[in-house]
Amino acid sequence: MSTEGSDRDYIQSIERGFAVLLAFDAERVNPNLAELAAATGLSRPAVRRILLTLQRLGYVKGNGGRWSLTPRVLSIGQHYSASHSIIETAQPHLLALAEQTQESASLAALDGTEVVYIARVPVRRIMSINVSIGTRVPAHATSMGRVLLAWAPDQVIDAAIGSGLRSFTDRTVTDPDEFRRVLRQVRADGWSIVAEELEEGLLSVSAPVRDQSGRVVAALASSTSSGRSDVGRLRTEVVPALLRAAERISGQLGHSGGERDGFY
């Protein structure tokens, strides 16, 4: 029986509630009603009712016509971490990788056409954006995204390409045929290196993490800058350490290493 449901099962009020919660960001830390209505495309009366409901549930608070999130929203992410053993399993390996490479180590999962950071050990700030748990970046321009897409079903790859391969630098791969070729190469290699496609000076390398069934469930990554390393050094010095860490995490998740796609 399908668990996706039909339009009859779709509860629009829940969608609108999350739209209001997600409208709070670095640019709208304490928005008013009009700002939230503009950000979500909902009417002011609808936003007001949602805010009052969220306030009663303890997720937002109002003060002088402006609204802010409460610490209770953090519990949503905490529940995700608690229900996904991969994060707890990966954490010591992230720490070891960061210590060995002296660079930031991250674990990410695919959500639609974006990559979401689910665990991270920062060493230096190497991106203009503040990367933390829950940060989202485009899959097509990141090594993590390419690893996750390389082993994804065709329809997921088609959706990523269909959404538009946006250019972030003059190095970003934006041609669909070239992007598919890149994914085939990632699958053959068993890892991905992306150099300055998301942001000038940003280099990253990723490898797949598999579960007991052999399915790629996350991407393990190490990130640095062009001022401290280069693609050649990443390939010879970081890739072996990254692959070992990814294999260890996969092994603890029950993966036996039977697949021979890439390095598995």
Protein backbone atom coordinates (compact mmCIF):
# COMPACT_ATOMS: atom_id res chain seq x y z
CA MET A 1 0.00 0.00 0.00
CA SER A 2 1.38 3.40 -0.95
CA THR A 3 2.24 5.76 1.90
CA GLU A 4 2.34 8.84 -0.31
CA GLY A 5 -1.38 9.47 -0.07
CA SER A 6 -3.59 11.44 -2.40
CA ASP A 7 -4.79 15.03 -2.64
CA ARG A 8 -7.67 14.06 -0.34
CA ASP A 9 -5.13 13.24 2.37
CA TYR A 10 -3.28 16.54 1.99
CA ILE A 11 -3.76 18.95 4.90
CA GLN A 12 -3.11 22.44 3.60
CA SER A 13 -3.20 24.06 7.02
CA ILE A 14 -0.11 22.08 8.05
CA GLU A 15 1.69 23.21 4.91
CA ARG A 16 0.82 26.82 5.74
CA GLY A 17 1.98 26.43 9.32
CA PHE A 18 5.38 25.20 8.20
CA ALA A 19 5.55 27.97 5.60
CA VAL A 20 5.22 30.54 8.38
CA LEU A 21 7.81 28.80 10.57
CA LEU A 22 10.27 28.60 7.68
CA ALA A 23 9.79 32.28 6.87
CA PHE A 24 11.83 33.14 9.96
CA ASP A 25 15.45 33.43 8.84
CA ALA A 26 18.52 35.63 9.17
CA GLU A 27 16.78 38.41 7.25
CA ARG A 28 13.52 38.08 9.18
CA VAL A 29 14.54 37.44 12.77
CA ASN A 30 11.69 39.49 14.24
CA PRO A 31 9.18 39.97 11.41
CA ASN A 32 5.81 41.59 11.71
CA LEU A 33 2.57 40.27 10.30
CA ALA A 34 2.91 42.08 6.97
CA GLU A 35 6.44 40.79 6.43
CA LEU A 36 5.42 37.20 7.10
CA ALA A 37 2.41 37.53 4.81
CA ALA A 38 4.64 38.84 2.03
CA ALA A 39 7.21 36.08 2.58
CA THR A 40 4.67 33.25 2.52
CA GLY A 41 2.12 34.61 0.06
CA LEU A 42 -0.62 34.08 2.62
CA SER A 43 -3.17 36.64 3.72
CA ARG A 44 -2.59 38.59 6.91
CA PRO A 45 -5.63 37.05 8.65
CA ALA A 46 -4.35 33.56 7.80
CA VAL A 47 -0.84 34.35 9.06
CA ARG A 48 -2.30 35.84 12.24
CA ARG A 49 -4.29 32.68 13.00
CA ILE A 50 -1.24 30.50 12.34
CA LEU A 51 0.96 32.65 14.58
CA LEU A 52 -1.54 32.56 17.40
CA THR A 53 -1.75 28.78 17.09
CA LEU A 54 2.04 28.44 17.06
CA GLN A 55 2.22 30.78 20.04
CA ARG A 56 -0.20 28.62 21.99
CA LEU A 57 1.93 25.58 21.12
CA GLY A 58 5.05 27.40 22.29
CA TYR A 59 6.93 27.71 18.99
CA VAL A 60 6.72 31.49 18.53
CA LYS A 61 6.22 34.53 20.72
CA GLY A 62 4.94 38.01 19.96
CA ASN A 63 6.17 41.33 21.26
CA GLY A 64 4.97 44.74 20.13
CA GLY A 65 3.63 43.50 16.82
CA ARG A 66 6.75 41.53 15.98
CA TRP A 67 7.29 37.80 16.24
CA SER A 68 10.21 35.51 16.97
CA LEU A 69 10.86 31.81 17.26
CA THR A 70 11.26 30.19 20.65
CA PRO A 71 13.86 27.56 21.61
CA ARG A 72 11.14 24.92 21.32
CA VAL A 73 11.62 24.81 17.52
CA LEU A 74 15.02 23.23 18.17
CA SER A 75 13.25 20.15 19.47
CA ILE A 76 12.08 19.35 15.93
CA GLY A 77 15.68 18.93 14.77
CA GLN A 78 16.54 17.13 18.00
CA HIS A 79 13.85 14.55 17.29
CA TYR A 80 15.37 13.98 13.84
CA SER A 81 18.82 13.42 15.33
CA ALA A 82 17.46 11.11 18.01
CA SER A 83 15.56 8.99 15.48
CA HIS A 84 18.44 8.67 13.00
CA SER A 85 21.27 6.55 14.36
CA ILE A 86 23.52 7.54 11.48
CA ILE A 87 24.25 10.89 13.14
CA GLU A 88 25.38 9.33 16.41
CA THR A 89 27.32 6.69 14.50
CA ALA A 90 29.08 9.22 12.28
CA GLN A 91 30.04 11.77 14.92
CA PRO A 92 33.29 10.16 16.16
CA HIS A 93 34.37 9.55 12.57
CA LEU A 94 33.70 13.19 11.70
CA LEU A 95 35.83 14.24 14.65
CA ALA A 96 38.64 11.89 13.63
CA LEU A 97 38.51 13.05 10.01
CA ALA A 98 38.59 16.72 11.01
CA GLU A 99 41.53 16.04 13.32
CA GLN A 100 43.42 14.13 10.65
CA THR A 101 42.86 16.66 7.85
CA GLN A 102 42.66 19.81 9.98
CA GLU A 103 39.65 20.74 7.85
CA SER A 104 35.90 20.81 8.46
CA ALA A 105 34.07 17.48 8.17
CA SER A 106 30.37 17.17 7.41
CA LEU A 107 27.60 14.65 6.89
CA ALA A 108 24.69 15.54 4.63
CA ALA A 109 21.50 14.06 3.22
CA LEU A 110 19.54 14.81 0.06
CA ASP A 111 16.24 16.65 0.33
CA GLY A 112 14.75 17.23 -3.09
CA THR A 113 17.26 19.22 -5.12
CA GLU A 114 19.17 20.42 -2.07
CA VAL A 115 21.67 18.98 0.37
CA VAL A 116 21.00 19.40 4.09
CA TYR A 117 23.81 19.29 6.65
CA ILE A 118 22.83 16.78 9.35
CA ALA A 119 26.15 16.64 11.27
CA ARG A 120 29.27 18.77 11.16
CA VAL A 121 32.61 19.33 12.86
CA PRO A 122 33.83 22.81 11.87
CA VAL A 123 37.51 23.69 11.91
CA ARG A 124 37.52 26.95 10.01
CA ARG A 125 34.87 29.05 8.39
CA ILE A 126 35.45 28.56 4.67
CA MET A 127 32.16 29.71 3.15
CA SER A 128 30.54 33.11 3.10
CA ILE A 129 27.39 31.52 4.49
CA ASN A 130 27.35 30.32 8.07
CA VAL A 131 27.24 26.53 7.74
CA SER A 132 25.52 24.72 10.61
CA ILE A 133 23.20 21.79 11.11
CA GLY A 134 20.18 22.28 8.88
CA THR A 135 21.97 24.52 6.37
CA ARG A 136 20.83 23.77 2.82
CA VAL A 137 22.96 24.07 -0.30
CA PRO A 138 22.19 23.19 -3.95
CA ALA A 139 22.99 19.58 -4.75
CA HIS A 140 24.30 20.09 -8.26
CA ALA A 141 27.13 22.45 -7.29
CA THR A 142 28.47 20.52 -4.29
CA SER A 143 30.50 17.35 -3.88
CA MET A 144 28.01 16.05 -1.32
CA GLY A 145 25.11 16.60 -3.69
CA ARG A 146 26.87 14.87 -6.55
CA VAL A 147 27.63 11.84 -4.43
CA LEU A 148 24.01 11.64 -3.33
CA LEU A 149 22.68 12.14 -6.86
CA ALA A 150 25.15 9.72 -8.46
CA TRP A 151 23.47 6.77 -6.77
CA ALA A 152 19.95 8.23 -6.76
CA PRO A 153 17.08 6.93 -8.93
CA ASP A 154 16.80 8.42 -12.41
CA GLN A 155 13.70 10.40 -11.49
CA VAL A 156 15.59 12.15 -8.69
CA ILE A 157 18.40 13.11 -11.08
CA ASP A 158 15.86 14.25 -13.67
CA ALA A 159 14.16 16.44 -11.04
CA ALA A 160 17.48 18.01 -10.03
CA ILE A 161 18.31 18.82 -13.64
CA GLY A 162 14.76 19.91 -14.41
CA SER A 163 14.81 22.43 -11.57
CA GLY A 164 17.64 24.24 -13.35
CA LEU A 165 21.39 23.92 -12.85
CA ARG A 166 21.98 27.40 -11.54
CA SER A 167 25.40 28.96 -12.09
CA PHE A 168 27.13 30.21 -8.93
CA THR A 169 30.59 30.78 -10.38
CA ASP A 170 32.04 30.54 -13.87
CA ARG A 171 33.10 26.97 -13.00
CA THR A 172 29.62 25.64 -12.16
CA VAL A 173 28.51 22.80 -14.42
CA THR A 174 25.18 23.92 -15.89
CA ASP A 175 24.87 21.80 -19.04
CA PRO A 176 22.55 18.81 -18.40
CA ASP A 177 24.54 16.39 -20.56
CA GLU A 178 27.80 17.39 -18.93
CA PHE A 179 26.24 17.09 -15.49
CA ARG A 180 25.05 13.55 -16.22
CA ARG A 181 28.57 12.69 -17.39
CA VAL A 182 29.96 14.09 -14.13
CA LEU A 183 27.59 11.91 -12.11
CA ARG A 184 28.64 8.82 -14.06
CA GLN A 185 32.27 9.63 -13.27
CA VAL A 186 31.45 10.08 -9.57
CA ARG A 187 29.79 6.69 -9.55
CA ALA A 188 32.79 5.11 -11.27
CA ASP A 189 35.31 6.76 -8.92
CA GLY A 190 33.33 6.28 -5.72
CA TRP A 191 33.91 9.88 -4.63
CA SER A 192 33.52 13.45 -5.85
CA ILE A 193 35.69 16.56 -5.80
CA VAL A 194 34.14 19.93 -6.57
CA ALA A 195 36.37 22.97 -6.96
CA GLU A 196 34.94 26.47 -6.76
CA GLU A 197 31.56 25.67 -8.32
CA LEU A 198 29.43 26.84 -5.40
CA GLU A 199 31.69 29.63 -4.21
CA GLU A 200 35.03 31.04 -5.29
CA GLY A 201 37.87 29.47 -3.32
CA LEU A 202 35.77 26.62 -1.90
CA LEU A 203 36.99 23.05 -2.43
CA SER A 204 35.24 19.94 -1.17
CA VAL A 205 35.49 16.18 -1.51
CA SER A 206 32.78 13.66 -0.62
CA ALA A 207 32.16 9.94 -0.44
CA PRO A 208 28.96 7.92 -0.04
CA VAL A 209 27.75 6.37 3.20
CA ARG A 210 25.61 3.25 2.78
CA ASP A 211 23.14 1.46 5.00
CA GLN A 212 22.65 -2.27 5.51
CA SER A 213 20.87 -2.64 2.17
CA GLY A 214 23.67 -0.90 0.29
CA ARG A 215 21.61 2.22 -0.33
CA VAL A 216 23.47 5.55 -0.22
CA VAL A 217 21.89 7.37 2.70
CA ALA A 218 24.34 10.21 3.27
CA ALA A 219 27.46 11.89 1.99
CA LEU A 220 30.58 12.38 4.07
CA ALA A 221 32.60 15.46 3.13
CA SER A 222 35.77 17.35 3.88
CA SER A 223 35.98 21.01 2.87
CA THR A 224 38.84 23.45 2.49
CA SER A 225 39.86 26.53 0.52
CA SER A 226 42.03 27.02 -2.56
CA GLY A 227 44.42 29.00 -0.36
CA ARG A 228 45.23 25.92 1.72
CA SER A 229 44.94 23.08 -0.74
CA ASP A 230 44.24 22.10 -4.34
CA VAL A 231 42.49 19.34 -6.25
CA GLY A 232 45.66 17.27 -6.56
CA ARG A 233 46.31 17.30 -2.82
CA LEU A 234 42.68 16.47 -2.08
CA ARG A 235 42.85 13.48 -4.40
CA THR A 236 46.07 12.07 -2.98
CA GLU A 237 45.87 13.07 0.70
CA VAL A 238 42.21 13.49 1.65
CA VAL A 239 40.31 11.02 -0.54
CA PRO A 240 41.91 7.91 1.06
CA ALA A 241 41.11 9.13 4.59
CA LEU A 242 37.59 10.10 3.54
CA LEU A 243 36.92 6.71 1.96
CA ARG A 244 38.15 4.90 5.07
CA ALA A 245 35.88 7.00 7.29
CA ALA A 246 32.90 6.45 4.97
CA GLU A 247 33.55 2.70 4.96
CA ARG A 248 33.72 2.60 8.76
CA ILE A 249 30.44 4.49 9.14
CA SER A 250 28.80 2.27 6.52
CA GLY A 251 30.10 -0.82 8.27
CA GLN A 252 28.61 0.28 11.58
CA LEU A 253 25.31 0.81 9.79
CA GLY A 254 25.43 -2.81 8.69
CA HIS A 255 26.85 -2.46 5.19
CA SER A 256 28.99 -5.46 4.25
CA GLY A 257 30.75 -3.86 1.29
CA GLY A 258 29.34 -6.29 -1.26
CA GLU A 259 28.56 -3.72 -3.95
CA ARG A 260 31.32 -2.94 -6.40
CA ASP A 261 30.00 0.39 -7.68
CA GLY A 262 32.79 2.88 -7.19
CA PHE A 263 34.96 1.99 -4.20
CA TYR A 264 32.37 -0.40 -2.79
